[in-house]
């Protein structure tokens, strides 16, 4: 499966939503080039949130014979890939946020606003960041 960045998925989902609003999820009928691979048609139907009936209609319109189980499997693969990519991006964002918390705490040690607790706070935030990195590495 292709990997897409968070921005690409966001743009794709935005385009899907706009198309649904403007087109009412109407199948394209004949808008594919001759020889378009089955996986490209299925991916297009998945990205447009077609129903099973609409997807089978599109696929059969291009001369492919498939059953609902293949479409269900294919959609499940794309759904899982999308979720993995989004959770990976979310983990990276959380790690960056914690790194910023740690850096801010460390920069405050012995500063004008340190009341004597900033070193302990910085050490605690460093340990939190370390735990998050280890969890991200495992999963």
C-alpha atoms as a PDB file:
ATOM      1  CA  UNK A   1       0.000   0.000   0.000  1.00  0.00           C
ATOM      2  CA  UNK A   2       1.154   3.527  -0.683  1.00  0.00           C
ATOM      3  CA  UNK A   3       2.129   5.645   2.282  1.00  0.00           C
ATOM      4  CA  UNK A   4       0.683   9.119   2.380  1.00  0.00           C
ATOM      5  CA  UNK A   5       1.539  11.976   4.629  1.00  0.00           C
ATOM      6  CA  UNK A   6      -0.978  13.453   7.007  1.00  0.00           C
ATOM      7  CA  UNK A   7      -1.368  16.474   4.728  1.00  0.00           C
ATOM      8  CA  UNK A   8      -2.073  14.315   1.673  1.00  0.00           C
ATOM      9  CA  UNK A   9      -4.693  12.319   3.593  1.00  0.00           C
ATOM     10  CA  UNK A  10      -6.224  15.523   4.891  1.00  0.00           C
ATOM     11  CA  UNK A  11      -6.438  16.935   1.372  1.00  0.00           C
ATOM     12  CA  UNK A  12      -7.861  13.671   0.075  1.00  0.00           C
ATOM     13  CA  UNK A  13     -10.519  13.545   2.791  1.00  0.00           C
ATOM     14  CA  UNK A  14     -11.381  17.214   2.186  1.00  0.00           C
ATOM     15  CA  UNK A  15     -11.758  16.547  -1.532  1.00  0.00           C
ATOM     16  CA  UNK A  16     -13.923  13.502  -0.782  1.00  0.00           C
ATOM     17  CA  UNK A  17     -16.177  15.574   1.468  1.00  0.00           C
ATOM     18  CA  UNK A  18     -16.531  18.334  -1.124  1.00  0.00           C
ATOM     19  CA  UNK A  19     -17.297  15.838  -3.844  1.00  0.00           C
ATOM     20  CA  UNK A  20     -19.959  14.173  -1.681  1.00  0.00           C
ATOM     21  CA  UNK A  21     -21.589  17.518  -1.020  1.00  0.00           C
ATOM     22  CA  UNK A  22     -21.464  18.624  -4.647  1.00  0.00           C
ATOM     23  CA  UNK A  23     -22.134  15.344  -6.406  1.00  0.00           C
ATOM     24  CA  UNK A  24     -24.276  13.411  -3.934  1.00  0.00           C
ATOM     25  CA  UNK A  25     -21.894  10.435  -4.199  1.00  0.00           C
ATOM     26  CA  UNK A  26     -22.920   9.814  -7.806  1.00  0.00           C
ATOM     27  CA  UNK A  27     -20.762   7.180  -9.534  1.00  0.00           C
ATOM     28  CA  UNK A  28     -18.506   8.510 -12.262  1.00  0.00           C
ATOM     29  CA  UNK A  29     -19.536   6.034 -14.975  1.00  0.00           C
ATOM     30  CA  UNK A  30     -16.901   5.818 -17.643  1.00  0.00           C
ATOM     31  CA  UNK A  31     -14.510   8.398 -16.225  1.00  0.00           C
ATOM     32  CA  UNK A  32     -11.614   5.902 -16.051  1.00  0.00           C
ATOM     33  CA  UNK A  33      -9.028   5.496 -18.775  1.00  0.00           C
ATOM     34  CA  UNK A  34      -9.161   2.184 -20.642  1.00  0.00           C
ATOM     35  CA  UNK A  35      -6.852  -0.262 -18.902  1.00  0.00           C
ATOM     36  CA  UNK A  36      -7.174   1.349 -15.467  1.00  0.00           C
ATOM     37  CA  UNK A  37      -6.069  -1.313 -12.946  1.00  0.00           C
ATOM     38  CA  UNK A  38      -8.676  -2.778 -10.617  1.00  0.00           C
ATOM     39  CA  UNK A  39      -6.830  -1.577  -7.516  1.00  0.00           C
ATOM     40  CA  UNK A  40      -6.979   2.040  -8.770  1.00  0.00           C
ATOM     41  CA  UNK A  41     -10.734   1.805  -9.275  1.00  0.00           C
ATOM     42  CA  UNK A  42     -11.201   0.229  -5.834  1.00  0.00           C
ATOM     43  CA  UNK A  43      -8.989   2.904  -4.243  1.00  0.00           C
ATOM     44  CA  UNK A  44     -11.014   5.628  -5.934  1.00  0.00           C
ATOM     45  CA  UNK A  45     -14.275   4.117  -4.701  1.00  0.00           C
ATOM     46  CA  UNK A  46     -12.847   3.795  -1.156  1.00  0.00           C
ATOM     47  CA  UNK A  47     -11.672   7.422  -1.139  1.00  0.00           C
ATOM     48  CA  UNK A  48     -15.147   8.556  -2.219  1.00  0.00           C
ATOM     49  CA  UNK A  49     -16.851   6.398   0.482  1.00  0.00           C
ATOM     50  CA  UNK A  50     -18.937   4.529  -2.065  1.00  0.00           C
ATOM     51  CA  UNK A  51     -21.452   1.971  -0.893  1.00  0.00           C
ATOM     52  CA  UNK A  52     -20.862  -1.658  -1.822  1.00  0.00           C
ATOM     53  CA  UNK A  53     -23.439  -1.379  -4.608  1.00  0.00           C
ATOM     54  CA  UNK A  54     -21.819   1.753  -6.064  1.00  0.00           C
ATOM     55  CA  UNK A  55     -18.358   0.174  -5.908  1.00  0.00           C
ATOM     56  CA  UNK A  56     -19.489  -3.028  -7.641  1.00  0.00           C
ATOM     57  CA  UNK A  57     -21.244  -0.934 -10.278  1.00  0.00           C
ATOM     58  CA  UNK A  58     -18.060   1.061 -10.974  1.00  0.00           C
ATOM     59  CA  UNK A  59     -15.878  -2.059 -11.110  1.00  0.00           C
ATOM     60  CA  UNK A  60     -18.262  -3.971 -13.348  1.00  0.00           C
ATOM     61  CA  UNK A  61     -18.575  -0.901 -15.582  1.00  0.00           C
ATOM     62  CA  UNK A  62     -14.869  -1.294 -16.345  1.00  0.00           C
ATOM     63  CA  UNK A  63     -15.272  -4.984 -17.171  1.00  0.00           C
ATOM     64  CA  UNK A  64     -14.005  -6.509 -13.917  1.00  0.00           C
ATOM     65  CA  UNK A  65     -15.902  -9.267 -12.129  1.00  0.00           C
ATOM     66  CA  UNK A  66     -15.478  -9.157  -8.355  1.00  0.00           C
ATOM     67  CA  UNK A  67     -17.597 -10.103  -5.377  1.00  0.00           C
ATOM     68  CA  UNK A  68     -18.371  -8.159  -2.235  1.00  0.00           C
ATOM     69  CA  UNK A  69     -15.787 -10.036  -0.140  1.00  0.00           C
ATOM     70  CA  UNK A  70     -12.910  -8.666  -2.241  1.00  0.00           C
ATOM     71  CA  UNK A  71     -14.243  -5.121  -1.971  1.00  0.00           C
ATOM     72  CA  UNK A  72     -14.701  -5.539   1.803  1.00  0.00           C
ATOM     73  CA  UNK A  73     -11.129  -6.852   2.173  1.00  0.00           C
ATOM     74  CA  UNK A  74      -9.680  -4.069   0.030  1.00  0.00           C
ATOM     75  CA  UNK A  75     -11.563  -1.356   1.947  1.00  0.00           C
ATOM     76  CA  UNK A  76     -10.386  -2.878   5.240  1.00  0.00           C
ATOM     77  CA  UNK A  77      -6.762  -2.694   4.067  1.00  0.00           C
ATOM     78  CA  UNK A  78      -7.097   0.987   3.173  1.00  0.00           C
ATOM     79  CA  UNK A  79      -8.916   1.768   6.431  1.00  0.00           C
ATOM     80  CA  UNK A  80      -6.162   0.060   8.449  1.00  0.00           C
ATOM     81  CA  UNK A  81      -3.409   1.790   6.478  1.00  0.00           C
ATOM     82  CA  UNK A  82      -5.067   5.154   7.001  1.00  0.00           C
ATOM     83  CA  UNK A  83      -5.402   4.537  10.767  1.00  0.00           C
ATOM     84  CA  UNK A  84      -1.756   3.411  11.058  1.00  0.00           C
ATOM     85  CA  UNK A  85      -0.531   6.487   9.249  1.00  0.00           C
ATOM     86  CA  UNK A  86      -2.656   8.825  11.335  1.00  0.00           C
ATOM     87  CA  UNK A  87      -1.624   7.214  14.633  1.00  0.00           C
ATOM     88  CA  UNK A  88       2.055   7.413  13.585  1.00  0.00           C
ATOM     89  CA  UNK A  89       1.651  11.123  12.851  1.00  0.00           C
ATOM     90  CA  UNK A  90      -0.176  11.664  16.155  1.00  0.00           C
ATOM     91  CA  UNK A  91       2.637   9.934  18.078  1.00  0.00           C
ATOM     92  CA  UNK A  92       5.201  12.155  16.378  1.00  0.00           C
ATOM     93  CA  UNK A  93       3.184  15.256  17.296  1.00  0.00           C
ATOM     94  CA  UNK A  94       2.935  14.166  20.946  1.00  0.00           C
ATOM     95  CA  UNK A  95       6.669  13.475  21.080  1.00  0.00           C
ATOM     96  CA  UNK A  96       7.402  16.927  19.688  1.00  0.00           C
ATOM     97  CA  UNK A  97       5.097  18.529  22.261  1.00  0.00           C
ATOM     98  CA  UNK A  98       6.786  16.670  25.122  1.00  0.00           C
ATOM     99  CA  UNK A  99      10.226  17.597  23.776  1.00  0.00           C
ATOM    100  CA  UNK A 100       9.140  21.231  23.875  1.00  0.00           C
ATOM    101  CA  UNK A 101       7.897  20.859  27.481  1.00  0.00           C
ATOM    102  CA  UNK A 102      11.233  19.297  28.468  1.00  0.00           C
ATOM    103  CA  UNK A 103      13.265  21.985  26.658  1.00  0.00           C
ATOM    104  CA  UNK A 104      11.257  24.778  28.294  1.00  0.00           C
ATOM    105  CA  UNK A 105      11.659  23.259  31.748  1.00  0.00           C
ATOM    106  CA  UNK A 106      15.400  22.750  31.241  1.00  0.00           C
ATOM    107  CA  UNK A 107      15.833  26.332  29.979  1.00  0.00           C
ATOM    108  CA  UNK A 108      14.190  27.612  33.176  1.00  0.00           C
ATOM    109  CA  UNK A 109      16.685  25.909  35.532  1.00  0.00           C
ATOM    110  CA  UNK A 110      18.562  28.561  37.519  1.00  0.00           C
ATOM    111  CA  UNK A 111      16.668  31.272  35.636  1.00  0.00           C
ATOM    112  CA  UNK A 112      15.004  34.308  37.169  1.00  0.00           C
ATOM    113  CA  UNK A 113      11.730  32.442  37.690  1.00  0.00           C
ATOM    114  CA  UNK A 114      13.262  29.306  39.226  1.00  0.00           C
ATOM    115  CA  UNK A 115      11.962  28.914  42.765  1.00  0.00           C
ATOM    116  CA  UNK A 116      14.259  25.969  43.373  1.00  0.00           C
ATOM    117  CA  UNK A 117      12.012  23.357  41.767  1.00  0.00           C
ATOM    118  CA  UNK A 118      12.878  23.670  38.082  1.00  0.00           C
ATOM    119  CA  UNK A 119      15.723  21.127  38.106  1.00  0.00           C
ATOM    120  CA  UNK A 120      13.385  18.484  39.529  1.00  0.00           C
ATOM    121  CA  UNK A 121      10.689  19.489  37.039  1.00  0.00           C
ATOM    122  CA  UNK A 122      13.138  19.301  34.124  1.00  0.00           C
ATOM    123  CA  UNK A 123      14.313  15.839  35.230  1.00  0.00           C
ATOM    124  CA  UNK A 124      10.690  14.681  35.504  1.00  0.00           C
ATOM    125  CA  UNK A 125       9.873  16.005  32.016  1.00  0.00           C
ATOM    126  CA  UNK A 126      13.009  14.373  30.598  1.00  0.00           C
ATOM    127  CA  UNK A 127      11.888  11.041  32.051  1.00  0.00           C
ATOM    128  CA  UNK A 128       8.392  11.544  30.596  1.00  0.00           C
ATOM    129  CA  UNK A 129       9.927  12.199  27.173  1.00  0.00           C
ATOM    130  CA  UNK A 130      12.159   9.132  27.500  1.00  0.00           C
ATOM    131  CA  UNK A 131       9.142   6.931  28.322  1.00  0.00           C
ATOM    132  CA  UNK A 132       7.220   8.285  25.353  1.00  0.00           C
ATOM    133  CA  UNK A 133      10.154   7.611  23.009  1.00  0.00           C
ATOM    134  CA  UNK A 134      10.466   4.035  24.270  1.00  0.00           C
ATOM    135  CA  UNK A 135       6.701   3.458  23.851  1.00  0.00           C
ATOM    136  CA  UNK A 136       6.789   4.871  20.325  1.00  0.00           C
ATOM    137  CA  UNK A 137       9.748   2.638  19.494  1.00  0.00           C
ATOM    138  CA  UNK A 138       7.784  -0.450  20.608  1.00  0.00           C
ATOM    139  CA  UNK A 139       4.636   0.290  18.826  1.00  0.00           C
END
